[in-house]
Protein backbone atom coordinates (compact mmCIF):
# COMPACT_ATOMS: atom_id res chain seq x y z
CA UNK A 1 100.53 93.81 104.65
CA UNK A 2 98.33 94.56 107.65
CA UNK A 3 95.48 97.05 107.57
CA UNK A 4 93.23 98.22 110.39
CA UNK A 5 89.51 97.84 109.68
CA UNK A 6 86.75 100.20 110.80
CA UNK A 7 85.62 97.50 113.26
CA UNK A 8 88.97 97.86 115.04
CA UNK A 9 90.26 94.48 113.89
CA UNK A 10 93.36 93.96 111.78
CA UNK A 11 93.40 92.12 108.46
CA UNK A 12 96.39 90.46 106.88
CA UNK A 13 96.58 90.81 103.08
CA UNK A 14 98.96 89.14 100.66
CA UNK A 15 101.94 91.22 99.57
CA UNK A 16 101.26 90.71 95.86
CA UNK A 17 98.06 91.52 93.98
CA UNK A 18 96.06 88.48 92.83
CA UNK A 19 96.12 88.45 89.01
CA UNK A 20 92.53 87.16 88.73
CA UNK A 21 90.90 89.90 90.82
CA UNK A 22 93.47 92.69 90.78
CA UNK A 23 93.20 92.91 94.59
CA UNK A 24 95.20 91.59 97.52
CA UNK A 25 94.20 88.21 98.94
CA UNK A 26 92.72 88.20 102.47
CA UNK A 27 94.93 86.01 104.68
CA UNK A 28 92.93 86.37 107.88
CA UNK A 29 91.39 88.84 110.34
CA UNK A 30 92.74 89.25 113.87
CA UNK A 31 91.72 91.06 117.06
CA UNK A 32 95.17 92.58 117.64
CA UNK A 33 98.01 93.80 115.46
CA UNK A 34 100.42 91.51 117.34
CA UNK A 35 98.33 88.48 116.38
CA UNK A 36 98.28 89.58 112.72
CA UNK A 37 102.07 90.12 112.73
CA UNK A 38 102.60 86.70 114.32
CA UNK A 39 100.50 85.04 111.63
CA UNK A 40 102.35 86.94 108.91
CA UNK A 41 105.64 85.51 110.22
CA UNK A 42 104.09 82.02 110.16
CA UNK A 43 102.93 82.52 106.57
CA UNK A 44 106.40 83.69 105.47
CA UNK A 45 107.99 80.69 107.21
CA UNK A 46 105.78 78.17 105.41
CA UNK A 47 106.29 79.91 102.07
CA UNK A 48 110.01 79.15 102.37
CA UNK A 49 109.87 75.58 103.81
C-alpha cells in the first residue's frame, strides 16, 4: 500500500496491520511513486522465494 506524504514523497506500508501496534509497518519512503511500486514488487518477490 502506497500513500503520498505531505512532503510529496511516497511511503510504502505493509498490506496487513501489525498486531503489536495496530498500524501498518513502514517499508520505506521514496521520491517517486514508480520507485515505491518497484520496491513493492521486490518485497512481494522475496516474500514468495
